[in-house]
């Protein structure tokens, strides 16, 4: 992983769209079924919208029916960190990018085998690098 990315709030507001800023920097969420990557099926790597760090592979993406992009696992070297989130009267695991502290989404233990995990990620927190993946 490259060095930690730190910017002022003003700098983040200049480089992100209003929706990306609200979600990635202010821990917001996009409405279900509205994100650009919800039903996206191209092969490639999903990256952090704030710092470009590689996070998820399209080969680990699946349709969870939740309305947000869902993944079985993170890439082996991805700097995804779990944090306790007790907001909105719930107890859950928030996922943030360890390189830039961007809010990505949440982790749930109701995913498919073999991991049983559902990395439920906001499209607004993601970028995408289209590329063929080896089998």
C-alpha atoms as a PDB file:
ATOM      1  CA  UNK A   1       0.000   0.000   0.000  1.00  0.00           C
ATOM      2  CA  UNK A   2       1.192   3.478  -0.786  1.00  0.00           C
ATOM      3  CA  UNK A   3       1.517   6.224   1.826  1.00  0.00           C
ATOM      4  CA  UNK A   4      -1.536   7.458   3.724  1.00  0.00           C
ATOM      5  CA  UNK A   5      -3.599  10.008   1.768  1.00  0.00           C
ATOM      6  CA  UNK A   6      -4.586  13.080   3.756  1.00  0.00           C
ATOM      7  CA  UNK A   7      -6.500  16.059   2.420  1.00  0.00           C
ATOM      8  CA  UNK A   8      -8.525  18.849   3.952  1.00  0.00           C
ATOM      9  CA  UNK A   9     -12.306  18.751   3.689  1.00  0.00           C
ATOM     10  CA  UNK A  10     -12.093  21.561   1.135  1.00  0.00           C
ATOM     11  CA  UNK A  11      -9.680  19.519  -0.995  1.00  0.00           C
ATOM     12  CA  UNK A  12     -11.953  16.450  -0.854  1.00  0.00           C
ATOM     13  CA  UNK A  13     -14.931  18.578  -1.899  1.00  0.00           C
ATOM     14  CA  UNK A  14     -12.994  19.778  -4.956  1.00  0.00           C
ATOM     15  CA  UNK A  15     -11.962  16.311  -6.199  1.00  0.00           C
ATOM     16  CA  UNK A  16     -15.180  14.379  -5.472  1.00  0.00           C
ATOM     17  CA  UNK A  17     -18.718  14.786  -6.753  1.00  0.00           C
ATOM     18  CA  UNK A  18     -21.285  15.873  -4.141  1.00  0.00           C
ATOM     19  CA  UNK A  19     -22.603  12.293  -3.838  1.00  0.00           C
ATOM     20  CA  UNK A  20     -19.090  10.810  -3.555  1.00  0.00           C
ATOM     21  CA  UNK A  21     -18.209  13.379  -0.904  1.00  0.00           C
ATOM     22  CA  UNK A  22     -21.394  12.724   1.085  1.00  0.00           C
ATOM     23  CA  UNK A  23     -20.859   8.965   1.073  1.00  0.00           C
ATOM     24  CA  UNK A  24     -17.074   8.544   1.215  1.00  0.00           C
ATOM     25  CA  UNK A  25     -16.180  11.467   3.475  1.00  0.00           C
ATOM     26  CA  UNK A  26     -19.370  12.008   5.528  1.00  0.00           C
ATOM     27  CA  UNK A  27     -20.427   8.332   5.952  1.00  0.00           C
ATOM     28  CA  UNK A  28     -23.587   8.719   3.945  1.00  0.00           C
ATOM     29  CA  UNK A  29     -25.213   6.113   1.746  1.00  0.00           C
ATOM     30  CA  UNK A  30     -26.757   6.137  -1.675  1.00  0.00           C
ATOM     31  CA  UNK A  31     -30.340   4.918  -2.118  1.00  0.00           C
ATOM     32  CA  UNK A  32     -30.612   1.188  -2.860  1.00  0.00           C
ATOM     33  CA  UNK A  33     -30.569   0.185  -6.536  1.00  0.00           C
ATOM     34  CA  UNK A  34     -29.340   3.633  -7.701  1.00  0.00           C
ATOM     35  CA  UNK A  35     -25.535   3.300  -7.724  1.00  0.00           C
ATOM     36  CA  UNK A  36     -23.666   2.978 -11.016  1.00  0.00           C
ATOM     37  CA  UNK A  37     -22.008  -0.303  -9.953  1.00  0.00           C
ATOM     38  CA  UNK A  38     -25.097  -2.008  -8.509  1.00  0.00           C
ATOM     39  CA  UNK A  39     -25.755  -4.119 -11.629  1.00  0.00           C
ATOM     40  CA  UNK A  40     -22.392  -3.523 -13.340  1.00  0.00           C
ATOM     41  CA  UNK A  41     -20.937  -6.711 -14.843  1.00  0.00           C
ATOM     42  CA  UNK A  42     -17.688  -5.750 -16.577  1.00  0.00           C
ATOM     43  CA  UNK A  43     -14.506  -7.637 -15.577  1.00  0.00           C
ATOM     44  CA  UNK A  44     -11.968  -5.646 -13.598  1.00  0.00           C
ATOM     45  CA  UNK A  45     -10.932  -4.200 -10.278  1.00  0.00           C
ATOM     46  CA  UNK A  46     -13.000  -1.932  -8.039  1.00  0.00           C
ATOM     47  CA  UNK A  47     -10.936   0.812  -6.435  1.00  0.00           C
ATOM     48  CA  UNK A  48     -11.386   3.434  -3.730  1.00  0.00           C
ATOM     49  CA  UNK A  49     -12.878   6.566  -5.318  1.00  0.00           C
ATOM     50  CA  UNK A  50     -10.784   8.779  -3.029  1.00  0.00           C
ATOM     51  CA  UNK A  51      -7.285   7.302  -3.350  1.00  0.00           C
ATOM     52  CA  UNK A  52      -7.425   4.732  -6.167  1.00  0.00           C
ATOM     53  CA  UNK A  53      -6.365   1.788  -3.995  1.00  0.00           C
ATOM     54  CA  UNK A  54      -7.472  -1.613  -5.393  1.00  0.00           C
ATOM     55  CA  UNK A  55     -10.146  -3.112  -3.126  1.00  0.00           C
ATOM     56  CA  UNK A  56     -12.337  -5.747  -4.816  1.00  0.00           C
ATOM     57  CA  UNK A  57     -12.317  -8.000  -7.874  1.00  0.00           C
ATOM     58  CA  UNK A  58     -15.308  -8.284 -10.175  1.00  0.00           C
ATOM     59  CA  UNK A  59     -14.894 -12.058  -9.872  1.00  0.00           C
ATOM     60  CA  UNK A  60     -15.933 -11.765  -6.190  1.00  0.00           C
ATOM     61  CA  UNK A  61     -18.980  -9.550  -6.925  1.00  0.00           C
ATOM     62  CA  UNK A  62     -22.465 -11.031  -6.713  1.00  0.00           C
ATOM     63  CA  UNK A  63     -26.089  -9.897  -6.689  1.00  0.00           C
ATOM     64  CA  UNK A  64     -27.177  -9.984  -3.053  1.00  0.00           C
ATOM     65  CA  UNK A  65     -30.554  -8.405  -3.771  1.00  0.00           C
ATOM     66  CA  UNK A  66     -29.681  -5.632  -1.300  1.00  0.00           C
ATOM     67  CA  UNK A  67     -29.459  -2.851  -3.889  1.00  0.00           C
ATOM     68  CA  UNK A  68     -25.734  -2.176  -3.402  1.00  0.00           C
ATOM     69  CA  UNK A  69     -22.660  -3.774  -4.962  1.00  0.00           C
ATOM     70  CA  UNK A  70     -21.821  -6.848  -2.883  1.00  0.00           C
ATOM     71  CA  UNK A  71     -18.586  -8.808  -2.726  1.00  0.00           C
ATOM     72  CA  UNK A  72     -17.586 -12.134  -1.129  1.00  0.00           C
ATOM     73  CA  UNK A  73     -14.154 -10.871  -0.107  1.00  0.00           C
ATOM     74  CA  UNK A  74     -11.596  -8.100  -0.498  1.00  0.00           C
ATOM     75  CA  UNK A  75      -8.443  -8.375  -2.586  1.00  0.00           C
ATOM     76  CA  UNK A  76      -5.570  -9.989  -0.612  1.00  0.00           C
ATOM     77  CA  UNK A  77      -3.611  -6.740  -0.183  1.00  0.00           C
ATOM     78  CA  UNK A  78      -6.597  -4.389   0.046  1.00  0.00           C
ATOM     79  CA  UNK A  79      -6.384  -1.951   2.967  1.00  0.00           C
ATOM     80  CA  UNK A  80      -9.999  -2.433   4.066  1.00  0.00           C
ATOM     81  CA  UNK A  81     -10.484  -1.874   7.803  1.00  0.00           C
ATOM     82  CA  UNK A  82     -13.490  -2.879   9.925  1.00  0.00           C
ATOM     83  CA  UNK A  83     -14.756  -0.432  12.555  1.00  0.00           C
ATOM     84  CA  UNK A  84     -17.611  -0.761  15.038  1.00  0.00           C
ATOM     85  CA  UNK A  85     -20.643   1.252  13.884  1.00  0.00           C
ATOM     86  CA  UNK A  86     -23.471   1.798  16.370  1.00  0.00           C
ATOM     87  CA  UNK A  87     -25.267   4.514  14.393  1.00  0.00           C
ATOM     88  CA  UNK A  88     -28.966   4.381  13.507  1.00  0.00           C
ATOM     89  CA  UNK A  89     -29.741   2.061  16.436  1.00  0.00           C
ATOM     90  CA  UNK A  90     -27.777  -0.836  14.935  1.00  0.00           C
ATOM     91  CA  UNK A  91     -24.543  -2.646  15.726  1.00  0.00           C
ATOM     92  CA  UNK A  92     -22.587  -3.449  12.578  1.00  0.00           C
ATOM     93  CA  UNK A  93     -19.136  -3.368  11.018  1.00  0.00           C
ATOM     94  CA  UNK A  94     -18.325  -0.265   8.997  1.00  0.00           C
ATOM     95  CA  UNK A  95     -15.741  -0.697   6.235  1.00  0.00           C
ATOM     96  CA  UNK A  96     -13.227   2.068   5.541  1.00  0.00           C
ATOM     97  CA  UNK A  97     -10.224   2.405   3.248  1.00  0.00           C
ATOM     98  CA  UNK A  98      -7.076   2.160   5.348  1.00  0.00           C
ATOM     99  CA  UNK A  99      -5.179   4.413   2.961  1.00  0.00           C
ATOM    100  CA  UNK A 100      -7.503   7.439   3.020  1.00  0.00           C
ATOM    101  CA  UNK A 101     -10.215   6.695   5.624  1.00  0.00           C
ATOM    102  CA  UNK A 102     -13.010   6.760   3.033  1.00  0.00           C
ATOM    103  CA  UNK A 103     -16.296   5.214   4.152  1.00  0.00           C
ATOM    104  CA  UNK A 104     -16.982   2.255   1.840  1.00  0.00           C
ATOM    105  CA  UNK A 105     -20.001   0.493   3.313  1.00  0.00           C
ATOM    106  CA  UNK A 106     -20.654  -2.313   5.797  1.00  0.00           C
ATOM    107  CA  UNK A 107     -19.815  -5.977   6.350  1.00  0.00           C
ATOM    108  CA  UNK A 108     -22.530  -8.535   7.047  1.00  0.00           C
ATOM    109  CA  UNK A 109     -22.310 -12.254   7.800  1.00  0.00           C
ATOM    110  CA  UNK A 110     -25.164 -13.294   5.516  1.00  0.00           C
ATOM    111  CA  UNK A 111     -23.221 -13.822   2.300  1.00  0.00           C
ATOM    112  CA  UNK A 112     -22.779 -16.893   0.102  1.00  0.00           C
ATOM    113  CA  UNK A 113     -20.252 -19.660   0.559  1.00  0.00           C
ATOM    114  CA  UNK A 114     -17.366 -20.056   0.815  1.00  0.00           C
ATOM    115  CA  UNK A 115     -16.850 -16.909   2.915  1.00  0.00           C
ATOM    116  CA  UNK A 116     -20.370 -16.348   4.265  1.00  0.00           C
ATOM    117  CA  UNK A 117     -19.585 -12.628   4.088  1.00  0.00           C
ATOM    118  CA  UNK A 118     -21.293  -9.763   2.275  1.00  0.00           C
ATOM    119  CA  UNK A 119     -19.160  -6.686   1.753  1.00  0.00           C
ATOM    120  CA  UNK A 120     -22.004  -4.251   1.020  1.00  0.00           C
ATOM    121  CA  UNK A 121     -20.351  -1.272  -0.674  1.00  0.00           C
ATOM    122  CA  UNK A 122     -21.665   2.067  -1.936  1.00  0.00           C
ATOM    123  CA  UNK A 123     -21.079   2.646  -5.659  1.00  0.00           C
ATOM    124  CA  UNK A 124     -20.230   6.267  -4.790  1.00  0.00           C
ATOM    125  CA  UNK A 125     -17.197   5.020  -2.828  1.00  0.00           C
ATOM    126  CA  UNK A 126     -15.855   3.050  -5.781  1.00  0.00           C
ATOM    127  CA  UNK A 127     -13.909   3.595  -8.955  1.00  0.00           C
ATOM    128  CA  UNK A 128     -13.365   0.874 -11.573  1.00  0.00           C
ATOM    129  CA  UNK A 129     -10.478  -0.317 -13.721  1.00  0.00           C
ATOM    130  CA  UNK A 130     -11.739  -2.471 -16.561  1.00  0.00           C
ATOM    131  CA  UNK A 131      -9.427  -5.398 -17.289  1.00  0.00           C
ATOM    132  CA  UNK A 132      -9.518  -9.078 -18.118  1.00  0.00           C
ATOM    133  CA  UNK A 133      -8.970 -11.219 -15.059  1.00  0.00           C
ATOM    134  CA  UNK A 134      -7.127 -14.508 -15.164  1.00  0.00           C
ATOM    135  CA  UNK A 135      -9.133 -17.572 -14.254  1.00  0.00           C
END
